[in-house]
């Protein structure tokens, strides 16, 4: 029995889903924290790692940190995950964010 099977509430919180409608509306679950955002890029910490959302005229429609839900509207160009395999890319992104 793994960790998630022992405690169902942990499993519910660990779910991560992305729903996009017409490249204009994005609903994301499993968000732990919104690290930064502007009208061209969102950096979200999810249960599956860091997620970058890039686009035009991006706006946060809804934020529910308790439930881990974020809704974004605008024209979506790209969704990217940062993980250990892309460590250099992550370092470059973080150095740009915190200059």
N, C-alpha and C. Protein backbone atom coordinates (compact mmCIF):
# COMPACT_ATOMS: atom_id res chain seq x y z
N UNK A 1 0.85 -1.17 0.00
CA UNK A 1 0.00 0.00 0.00
C UNK A 1 0.90 1.24 0.00
N UNK A 2 0.68 2.12 -0.96
CA UNK A 2 1.49 3.33 -1.02
C UNK A 2 0.89 4.44 -0.15
N UNK A 3 1.60 5.53 -0.08
CA UNK A 3 1.23 6.66 0.77
C UNK A 3 -0.16 7.19 0.44
N UNK A 4 -0.49 7.29 -0.84
CA UNK A 4 -1.77 7.88 -1.23
C UNK A 4 -2.94 6.98 -0.88
N UNK A 5 -2.72 5.66 -0.88
CA UNK A 5 -3.81 4.75 -0.55
C UNK A 5 -4.13 4.76 0.93
N UNK A 6 -3.17 5.11 1.79
CA UNK A 6 -3.38 5.12 3.23
C UNK A 6 -4.30 6.26 3.65
N UNK A 7 -4.19 7.41 3.01
CA UNK A 7 -4.96 8.58 3.40
C UNK A 7 -5.63 9.18 2.17
N UNK A 8 -6.94 8.92 1.97
CA UNK A 8 -7.63 9.42 0.76
C UNK A 8 -7.61 10.93 0.62
N UNK A 9 -7.56 11.68 1.73
CA UNK A 9 -7.54 13.14 1.61
C UNK A 9 -6.25 13.61 0.96
N UNK A 10 -5.13 12.92 1.19
CA UNK A 10 -3.87 13.27 0.56
C UNK A 10 -3.96 13.02 -0.93
N UNK A 11 -4.59 11.93 -1.31
CA UNK A 11 -4.73 11.61 -2.73
C UNK A 11 -5.55 12.67 -3.45
N UNK A 12 -6.63 13.13 -2.82
CA UNK A 12 -7.47 14.14 -3.45
C UNK A 12 -6.68 15.43 -3.67
N UNK A 13 -5.83 15.79 -2.71
CA UNK A 13 -5.05 17.00 -2.85
C UNK A 13 -3.94 16.84 -3.89
N UNK A 14 -3.51 15.60 -4.14
CA UNK A 14 -2.40 15.37 -5.06
C UNK A 14 -2.86 15.28 -6.52
N UNK A 15 -4.14 15.35 -6.78
CA UNK A 15 -4.64 15.30 -8.15
C UNK A 15 -4.25 16.57 -8.89
N UNK A 16 -3.90 16.41 -10.15
CA UNK A 16 -3.50 17.55 -10.97
C UNK A 16 -4.16 17.40 -12.33
N UNK A 17 -4.99 18.35 -12.67
CA UNK A 17 -5.69 18.34 -13.95
C UNK A 17 -5.56 19.70 -14.62
N UNK A 18 -5.55 19.67 -15.93
CA UNK A 18 -5.57 20.91 -16.72
C UNK A 18 -6.68 20.78 -17.75
N UNK A 19 -7.53 21.78 -17.78
CA UNK A 19 -8.61 21.83 -18.76
C UNK A 19 -8.50 23.14 -19.52
N UNK A 20 -8.39 23.05 -20.85
CA UNK A 20 -8.29 24.25 -21.67
C UNK A 20 -9.45 24.27 -22.66
N UNK A 21 -10.08 25.43 -22.77
CA UNK A 21 -11.16 25.62 -23.72
C UNK A 21 -10.75 26.67 -24.75
N UNK A 22 -10.65 26.26 -25.99
CA UNK A 22 -10.39 27.16 -27.13
C UNK A 22 -9.16 28.05 -26.96
N UNK A 23 -8.15 27.57 -26.26
CA UNK A 23 -6.92 28.32 -26.01
C UNK A 23 -7.19 29.66 -25.35
N UNK A 24 -8.34 29.84 -24.74
CA UNK A 24 -8.71 31.11 -24.11
C UNK A 24 -8.96 30.98 -22.61
N UNK A 25 -9.38 29.83 -22.15
CA UNK A 25 -9.68 29.63 -20.74
C UNK A 25 -8.97 28.37 -20.25
N UNK A 26 -8.27 28.51 -19.14
CA UNK A 26 -7.47 27.43 -18.59
C UNK A 26 -7.86 27.23 -17.14
N UNK A 27 -8.19 26.00 -16.78
CA UNK A 27 -8.49 25.64 -15.40
C UNK A 27 -7.48 24.61 -14.95
N UNK A 28 -6.82 24.89 -13.82
CA UNK A 28 -5.75 24.02 -13.34
C UNK A 28 -6.05 23.64 -11.89
N UNK A 29 -5.97 22.34 -11.57
CA UNK A 29 -6.10 21.87 -10.20
C UNK A 29 -4.76 21.34 -9.72
N UNK A 30 -4.63 21.19 -8.43
CA UNK A 30 -3.38 20.69 -7.86
C UNK A 30 -2.31 21.75 -7.76
N UNK A 31 -2.72 23.02 -7.69
CA UNK A 31 -1.78 24.13 -7.58
C UNK A 31 -1.46 24.36 -6.11
N UNK A 32 -0.18 24.35 -5.80
CA UNK A 32 0.26 24.59 -4.42
C UNK A 32 0.49 26.07 -4.16
N UNK A 33 1.01 26.76 -5.18
CA UNK A 33 1.35 28.17 -5.00
C UNK A 33 1.48 28.85 -6.36
N UNK A 34 1.09 30.11 -6.43
CA UNK A 34 1.34 30.94 -7.60
C UNK A 34 2.58 31.76 -7.28
N UNK A 35 3.70 31.43 -7.93
CA UNK A 35 4.96 32.10 -7.61
C UNK A 35 5.06 33.48 -8.24
N UNK A 36 4.62 33.61 -9.49
CA UNK A 36 4.64 34.91 -10.15
C UNK A 36 3.69 34.88 -11.33
N UNK A 37 3.25 36.05 -11.73
CA UNK A 37 2.41 36.14 -12.94
C UNK A 37 2.39 37.56 -13.46
N UNK A 38 2.23 37.64 -14.77
CA UNK A 38 1.97 38.92 -15.43
C UNK A 38 1.12 38.61 -16.64
N UNK A 39 0.96 39.56 -17.54
CA UNK A 39 0.05 39.35 -18.68
C UNK A 39 0.62 38.43 -19.75
N UNK A 40 1.89 37.99 -19.61
CA UNK A 40 2.49 37.09 -20.60
C UNK A 40 2.92 35.74 -20.03
N UNK A 41 3.02 35.64 -18.68
CA UNK A 41 3.54 34.39 -18.12
C UNK A 41 3.10 34.19 -16.67
N UNK A 42 2.72 32.96 -16.36
CA UNK A 42 2.40 32.53 -15.00
C UNK A 42 3.37 31.43 -14.62
N UNK A 43 3.88 31.47 -13.40
CA UNK A 43 4.71 30.41 -12.86
C UNK A 43 3.97 29.84 -11.66
N UNK A 44 3.53 28.58 -11.80
CA UNK A 44 2.73 27.92 -10.77
C UNK A 44 3.48 26.72 -10.21
N UNK A 45 3.45 26.57 -8.91
CA UNK A 45 3.99 25.36 -8.30
C UNK A 45 2.82 24.41 -8.12
N UNK A 46 2.88 23.25 -8.79
CA UNK A 46 1.81 22.27 -8.71
C UNK A 46 2.33 21.02 -8.00
N UNK A 47 1.44 20.09 -7.75
CA UNK A 47 1.84 18.83 -7.12
C UNK A 47 2.69 17.99 -8.06
N UNK A 48 2.74 18.35 -9.33
CA UNK A 48 3.55 17.64 -10.32
C UNK A 48 4.79 18.41 -10.73
N UNK A 49 5.10 19.49 -10.04
CA UNK A 49 6.27 20.31 -10.36
C UNK A 49 5.85 21.70 -10.80
N UNK A 50 6.84 22.48 -11.18
CA UNK A 50 6.57 23.85 -11.63
C UNK A 50 5.98 23.84 -13.03
N UNK A 51 4.94 24.64 -13.23
CA UNK A 51 4.27 24.76 -14.52
C UNK A 51 4.35 26.21 -14.96
N UNK A 52 4.79 26.42 -16.21
CA UNK A 52 4.82 27.75 -16.80
C UNK A 52 3.71 27.82 -17.84
N UNK A 53 2.91 28.86 -17.75
CA UNK A 53 1.87 29.14 -18.74
C UNK A 53 2.27 30.43 -19.43
N UNK A 54 2.42 30.38 -20.74
CA UNK A 54 2.79 31.58 -21.51
C UNK A 54 1.69 31.90 -22.51
N UNK A 55 1.53 33.21 -22.76
CA UNK A 55 0.51 33.63 -23.71
C UNK A 55 0.44 35.14 -23.80
N UNK A 56 -0.72 35.62 -24.24
CA UNK A 56 -0.97 37.06 -24.39
C UNK A 56 -2.19 37.44 -23.57
N UNK A 57 -2.13 38.63 -22.98
CA UNK A 57 -3.26 39.17 -22.21
C UNK A 57 -3.77 38.18 -21.15
N UNK A 58 -2.85 37.52 -20.46
CA UNK A 58 -3.23 36.54 -19.46
C UNK A 58 -3.72 37.26 -18.20
N UNK A 59 -4.81 36.76 -17.66
CA UNK A 59 -5.39 37.30 -16.44
C UNK A 59 -5.85 36.15 -15.56
N UNK A 60 -5.70 36.31 -14.26
CA UNK A 60 -6.19 35.30 -13.33
C UNK A 60 -7.68 35.55 -13.11
N UNK A 61 -8.49 34.58 -13.48
CA UNK A 61 -9.93 34.69 -13.29
C UNK A 61 -10.33 34.25 -11.89
N UNK A 62 -9.70 33.20 -11.40
CA UNK A 62 -10.08 32.63 -10.11
C UNK A 62 -8.84 32.03 -9.45
N UNK A 63 -8.73 32.21 -8.14
CA UNK A 63 -7.65 31.62 -7.36
C UNK A 63 -8.24 31.11 -6.07
N UNK A 64 -8.12 29.80 -5.85
CA UNK A 64 -8.57 29.18 -4.61
C UNK A 64 -7.41 28.35 -4.09
N UNK A 65 -6.55 28.96 -3.28
CA UNK A 65 -5.35 28.29 -2.80
C UNK A 65 -5.71 27.11 -1.90
N UNK A 66 -6.76 27.26 -1.11
CA UNK A 66 -7.18 26.17 -0.22
C UNK A 66 -7.51 24.90 -0.98
N UNK A 67 -8.18 25.05 -2.10
CA UNK A 67 -8.54 23.90 -2.94
C UNK A 67 -7.49 23.60 -3.99
N UNK A 68 -6.58 24.54 -4.24
CA UNK A 68 -5.54 24.32 -5.24
C UNK A 68 -6.01 24.54 -6.67
N UNK A 69 -6.99 25.42 -6.85
CA UNK A 69 -7.55 25.67 -8.18
C UNK A 69 -7.18 27.07 -8.67
N UNK A 70 -6.79 27.14 -9.94
CA UNK A 70 -6.49 28.42 -10.58
C UNK A 70 -7.17 28.44 -11.95
N UNK A 71 -7.78 29.56 -12.29
CA UNK A 71 -8.35 29.76 -13.63
C UNK A 71 -7.66 30.95 -14.26
N UNK A 72 -7.26 30.77 -15.52
CA UNK A 72 -6.56 31.82 -16.26
C UNK A 72 -7.28 32.04 -17.57
N UNK A 73 -7.44 33.31 -17.95
CA UNK A 73 -8.00 33.60 -19.27
C UNK A 73 -7.00 34.43 -20.05
N UNK A 74 -7.12 34.37 -21.38
CA UNK A 74 -6.21 35.04 -22.29
C UNK A 74 -5.87 34.07 -23.41
N UNK A 75 -5.01 34.47 -24.32
CA UNK A 75 -4.62 33.58 -25.40
C UNK A 75 -3.41 32.74 -24.95
N UNK A 76 -3.61 31.43 -24.85
CA UNK A 76 -2.59 30.51 -24.35
C UNK A 76 -1.69 30.08 -25.52
N UNK A 77 -0.38 30.28 -25.35
CA UNK A 77 0.60 29.84 -26.35
C UNK A 77 1.33 28.58 -25.94
N UNK A 78 1.61 28.44 -24.64
CA UNK A 78 2.49 27.35 -24.22
C UNK A 78 2.23 26.95 -22.77
N UNK A 79 2.32 25.64 -22.50
CA UNK A 79 2.33 25.08 -21.16
C UNK A 79 3.59 24.25 -21.05
N UNK A 80 4.41 24.51 -20.04
CA UNK A 80 5.67 23.78 -19.87
C UNK A 80 5.89 23.44 -18.41
N UNK A 81 6.40 22.23 -18.18
CA UNK A 81 6.77 21.82 -16.84
C UNK A 81 8.28 21.90 -16.69
N UNK A 82 8.73 22.36 -15.54
CA UNK A 82 10.15 22.37 -15.21
C UNK A 82 10.40 21.22 -14.24
N UNK A 83 11.41 20.40 -14.52
CA UNK A 83 11.75 19.32 -13.62
C UNK A 83 13.25 19.17 -13.53
N UNK A 84 13.71 18.14 -12.85
CA UNK A 84 15.14 17.95 -12.63
C UNK A 84 15.92 17.83 -13.93
N UNK A 85 15.30 17.29 -14.96
CA UNK A 85 15.98 17.10 -16.24
C UNK A 85 16.24 18.41 -16.96
N UNK A 86 15.53 19.44 -16.57
CA UNK A 86 15.70 20.75 -17.20
C UNK A 86 16.22 21.76 -16.17
N UNK A 87 17.13 21.34 -15.35
CA UNK A 87 17.65 22.18 -14.27
C UNK A 87 18.23 23.48 -14.77
N UNK A 88 18.96 23.46 -15.87
CA UNK A 88 19.55 24.69 -16.40
C UNK A 88 18.47 25.66 -16.86
N UNK A 89 17.45 25.14 -17.49
CA UNK A 89 16.34 25.99 -17.93
C UNK A 89 15.67 26.63 -16.72
N UNK A 90 15.48 25.85 -15.66
CA UNK A 90 14.85 26.37 -14.46
C UNK A 90 15.72 27.45 -13.83
N UNK A 91 17.01 27.23 -13.77
CA UNK A 91 17.90 28.24 -13.20
C UNK A 91 17.83 29.53 -14.00
N UNK A 92 17.80 29.42 -15.32
CA UNK A 92 17.71 30.60 -16.17
C UNK A 92 16.41 31.36 -15.94
N UNK A 93 15.32 30.62 -15.80
CA UNK A 93 14.02 31.25 -15.56
C UNK A 93 14.03 31.96 -14.21
N UNK A 94 14.50 31.28 -13.18
CA UNK A 94 14.49 31.87 -11.84
C UNK A 94 15.42 33.07 -11.76
N UNK A 95 16.55 33.02 -12.46
CA UNK A 95 17.45 34.17 -12.43
C UNK A 95 16.81 35.37 -13.11
N UNK A 96 16.00 35.14 -14.16
CA UNK A 96 15.29 36.25 -14.81
C UNK A 96 14.23 36.83 -13.88
N UNK A 97 13.55 35.94 -13.16
CA UNK A 97 12.44 36.38 -12.29
C UNK A 97 12.93 37.20 -11.11
N UNK A 98 14.10 36.85 -10.57
CA UNK A 98 14.53 37.45 -9.33
C UNK A 98 15.71 38.38 -9.48
N UNK A 99 15.88 38.99 -10.65
CA UNK A 99 16.95 39.98 -10.85
C UNK A 99 16.55 41.28 -10.24
